[in-house]
Protein backbone atom coordinates (compact mmCIF):
# COMPACT_ATOMS: atom_id res chain seq x y z
CA MET A 1 158.15 191.81 102.36
CA ILE A 2 156.43 192.74 99.12
CA SER A 3 153.18 190.88 98.49
CA ALA A 4 153.07 187.89 96.18
CA GLY A 5 151.43 188.77 92.90
CA VAL A 6 153.32 192.06 92.44
CA LYS A 7 154.84 191.96 88.94
CA THR A 8 156.71 195.25 88.70
CA ILE A 9 158.61 197.41 91.13
CA GLY A 10 157.57 200.69 89.54
CA THR A 11 159.61 203.75 88.73
CA ALA A 12 160.86 205.37 91.94
CA ALA A 13 158.76 202.96 94.05
CA PHE A 14 161.19 202.96 96.98
CA THR A 15 163.42 205.90 96.02
CA PHE A 16 165.22 207.46 98.99
CA CYS A 17 163.71 205.07 101.54
CA GLY A 18 166.63 205.82 103.82
CA GLN A 19 165.70 203.20 106.43
CA LEU A 20 165.03 200.31 104.02
CA ALA A 21 167.59 197.76 105.21
CA LYS A 22 166.02 194.57 103.84
CA VAL A 23 163.49 193.74 101.16
CA ILE A 24 162.10 190.37 100.06
CA LEU A 25 160.93 190.29 96.46
CA PRO A 26 158.30 187.70 95.51
CA GLU A 27 158.87 185.28 92.65
CA THR A 28 156.20 187.13 90.63
CA VAL A 29 158.30 190.28 90.06
CA THR A 30 159.55 190.47 86.47
CA LYS A 31 160.91 194.04 86.31
CA ILE A 32 162.53 196.56 88.61
CA GLY A 33 161.81 200.03 87.24
CA GLY A 34 164.04 203.08 87.03
CA TYR A 35 165.14 204.31 90.46
CA GLY A 36 163.03 201.50 91.94
CA PHE A 37 165.39 201.28 94.92
CA GLY A 38 167.45 204.37 94.12
CA GLY A 39 168.93 206.10 97.14
CA CYS A 40 168.17 203.26 99.57
CA VAL A 41 171.42 204.02 101.37
CA VAL A 42 171.26 201.34 104.09
CA LEU A 43 170.21 198.45 101.82
CA SER A 44 173.20 196.07 102.03
CA GLU A 45 171.97 193.00 100.16
CA ILE A 46 169.10 191.89 97.98
CA VAL A 47 167.99 188.62 96.40
CA ILE A 48 166.66 189.04 92.86
CA PRO A 49 164.09 186.32 91.97
CA SER A 50 164.54 184.20 88.86
CA SER A 51 161.36 185.80 87.48
CA VAL A 52 163.12 189.19 87.06
CA THR A 53 164.04 189.62 83.40
CA ASN A 54 164.63 193.39 83.25
CA LEU A 55 166.45 195.92 85.40
CA ALA A 56 165.86 199.54 84.40
CA THR A 57 168.22 202.50 84.44
CA ASN A 58 169.28 203.47 87.96
CA ALA A 59 167.23 200.69 89.58
CA PHE A 60 169.79 200.65 92.43
CA PHE A 61 171.23 204.14 91.93
CA ASN A 62 173.27 205.40 94.88
CA CYS A 63 172.67 202.31 97.06
CA TYR A 64 176.19 202.78 98.37
CA SER A 65 175.85 200.28 101.24
CA LEU A 66 174.93 197.50 98.79
CA THR A 67 177.56 194.75 98.91
CA ASN A 68 175.75 191.56 97.81
CA VAL A 69 173.26 191.18 94.97
CA TYR A 70 172.08 187.57 94.68
CA PHE A 71 170.44 186.48 91.42
CA LYS A 72 168.35 183.29 91.50
CA GLY A 73 168.04 182.90 87.73
CA ASN A 74 169.67 183.51 84.41
CA ALA A 75 171.19 186.92 83.75
CA PRO A 76 168.40 189.51 83.36
CA VAL A 77 168.55 192.24 80.75
CA PRO A 78 170.07 195.36 82.31
CA ALA A 79 169.59 198.88 81.00
CA ASP A 80 172.11 199.32 78.18
CA ASP A 81 173.90 202.29 79.71
CA LEU A 82 175.66 200.66 82.73
CA THR A 83 173.62 202.66 85.23
CA VAL A 84 171.54 200.02 87.00
CA PHE A 85 174.05 200.11 89.87
CA GLN A 86 175.36 203.64 89.37
CA TYR A 87 177.46 204.78 92.37
CA VAL A 88 177.42 201.28 93.83
CA THR A 89 181.12 200.62 94.22
CA ASN A 90 181.52 197.73 96.69
CA ALA A 91 178.95 195.20 95.49
CA THR A 92 179.30 191.80 93.86
CA ALA A 93 176.60 190.14 91.75
CA PHE A 94 176.26 186.46 92.67
CA TYR A 95 174.59 183.86 90.42
CA LEU A 96 173.75 180.18 90.85
CA PRO A 97 176.12 177.63 89.26
CA SER A 98 173.41 176.36 86.91
CA ALA A 99 172.37 179.83 85.65
CA THR A 100 173.24 181.04 82.16
CA GLY A 101 174.11 184.34 80.52
CA TRP A 102 176.60 185.49 83.14
CA SER A 103 180.11 186.80 82.51
CA SER A 104 182.84 188.25 84.72
CA THR A 105 180.86 191.49 85.17
CA PHE A 106 177.21 192.47 85.19
CA ASP A 107 176.35 196.10 84.50
CA GLY A 108 179.69 197.16 85.95
CA LEU A 109 179.63 194.88 89.01
CA PRO A 110 182.06 191.98 89.36
CA THR A 111 180.29 188.61 89.40
CA SER A 112 180.89 185.41 91.32
CA THR A 113 179.23 182.03 91.62
CA TRP A 114 176.67 181.97 94.43
CA LEU A 115 177.40 179.04 96.71
CA PRO A 116 175.76 178.16 100.02
CA LYS A 117 177.21 179.91 103.05
CA VAL A 118 176.88 179.88 106.81
CA ARG A 119 175.26 183.03 108.18
CA THR A 120 177.48 184.58 110.81
CA ASP A 121 175.50 187.80 111.22
CA ASP A 122 172.14 186.57 112.52
CA GLY A 123 172.91 185.08 115.94
CA SER A 124 172.33 181.47 114.91
CA LEU A 125 175.98 180.36 114.86
CA GLY A 126 177.12 178.41 117.92
CA LEU A 127 175.95 176.04 120.63
CA GLN A 128 172.20 176.21 121.09
CA ASN A 129 169.82 173.71 122.70
CA ASN A 130 172.63 171.14 123.19
CA GLN A 131 173.62 171.21 119.53
CA PHE A 132 175.94 173.15 117.27
CA ALA A 133 173.77 175.23 114.96
CA PHE A 134 173.83 177.77 112.17
CA ASN A 135 171.66 179.10 109.35
CA ILE A 136 172.58 178.19 105.80
CA PHE A 137 171.89 180.89 103.22
CA TRP A 138 171.32 179.99 99.58
CA ALA A 139 168.40 179.87 97.14
CA ARG A 140 165.03 178.20 97.59
CA ASN A 141 164.86 174.57 96.34
CA GLU A 142 168.65 174.20 96.09
CA LYS A 143 170.16 171.17 97.85
CA VAL A 144 172.93 171.47 100.41
CA VAL A 145 175.06 168.71 101.89
CA VAL A 146 176.58 169.49 105.29
CA GLU A 147 179.76 167.57 105.96
CA ALA A 148 181.88 167.39 109.12
CA CYS A 149 185.36 166.23 110.05
CA THR A 150 187.51 166.25 113.18
CA ASN A 151 190.96 166.88 111.69
CA LEU A 152 191.79 169.50 109.06
CA THR A 153 195.35 168.18 108.63
CA ASN A 154 194.06 164.84 107.32
CA PRO A 155 190.37 165.54 106.76
CA ILE A 156 187.90 162.74 106.32
CA TRP A 157 184.63 164.51 105.56
CA THR A 158 181.47 162.73 106.63
CA PRO A 159 178.03 163.82 105.37
CA VAL A 160 175.77 164.64 108.32
CA ALA A 161 172.77 166.12 106.46
CA THR A 162 171.38 166.71 102.98
CA ASN A 163 168.55 169.20 102.70
CA SER A 164 166.60 171.15 100.11
CA LEU A 165 166.03 174.73 101.13
CA ALA A 166 162.32 175.46 101.53
CA GLY A 167 163.15 179.17 101.61
CA ASP A 168 166.35 181.12 101.11
CA SER A 169 167.75 179.83 104.38
CA LEU A 170 167.83 176.63 106.39
CA TYR A 171 168.46 176.13 110.10
CA PHE A 172 170.99 173.35 110.69
CA GLY A 173 171.61 171.77 114.07
CA HIS A 174 174.01 168.93 114.88
CA VAL A 175 174.46 167.16 118.20
CA PRO A 176 178.18 167.68 119.00
CA HIS A 177 178.99 164.34 120.61
CA THR A 178 178.03 162.37 117.49
CA ILE A 179 181.27 163.20 115.66
CA GLY A 180 183.89 163.90 118.31
CA PRO A 181 185.18 166.64 120.62
CA ALA A 182 186.34 168.97 117.79
CA ARG A 183 184.57 169.22 114.51
CA PHE A 184 184.67 171.34 111.40
CA TYR A 185 181.84 171.81 108.93
CA ARG A 186 181.65 172.55 105.24
CA LEU A 187 178.80 173.01 102.78
CA ILE A 188 178.51 171.38 99.38
CA GLY A 189 175.92 172.88 97.06
CA LEU A 190 174.00 170.68 94.64
CA SER A 191 172.53 173.34 92.37
CA ASN A 192 169.38 172.57 90.39
CA ALA A 193 168.81 173.62 86.80
CA ALA A 194 168.04 177.32 86.52
CA SER A 195 164.44 178.29 86.11
CA PRO A 196 163.35 179.01 82.54
């Protein structure tokens, strides 16, 4: 985790950090400099705070394991030469439904709306402590409604929880017997207005 108060990820700050698998950027960062994370070959996803307004040339150069780039705010200004994500070939840039300035691509990456999702890769999914549980991943302060039903052929979805995310994830637990022997869950995102 990078300390709060840091405003710029400087040029080549984390270049070729071959073991950097995860990084948490504080909401104070406004710019990611050239080669800031270049060559971080095991970095698979990153959340870009809404405070980031500029991405420099080759900021994520050769991060070939990068698959998900989540943007919390409006589209930042990328370097004008389509090299921010040079040699990143399998990533998608995700943005919140309320954010502006996005199109079908961002600096060569395809884009998609960022909606809440259930984490299946962190060990939280399943029966735990006499309840069915999972972590919800989305952006801080966004609201998520968890709904459940017992029949997908004729679904009647019932809200079981509405929560605002205090961080970028939320632990959800539901006592199984309160809705029936079989149950299915879905998430409905209630996105806030994008930060200015």
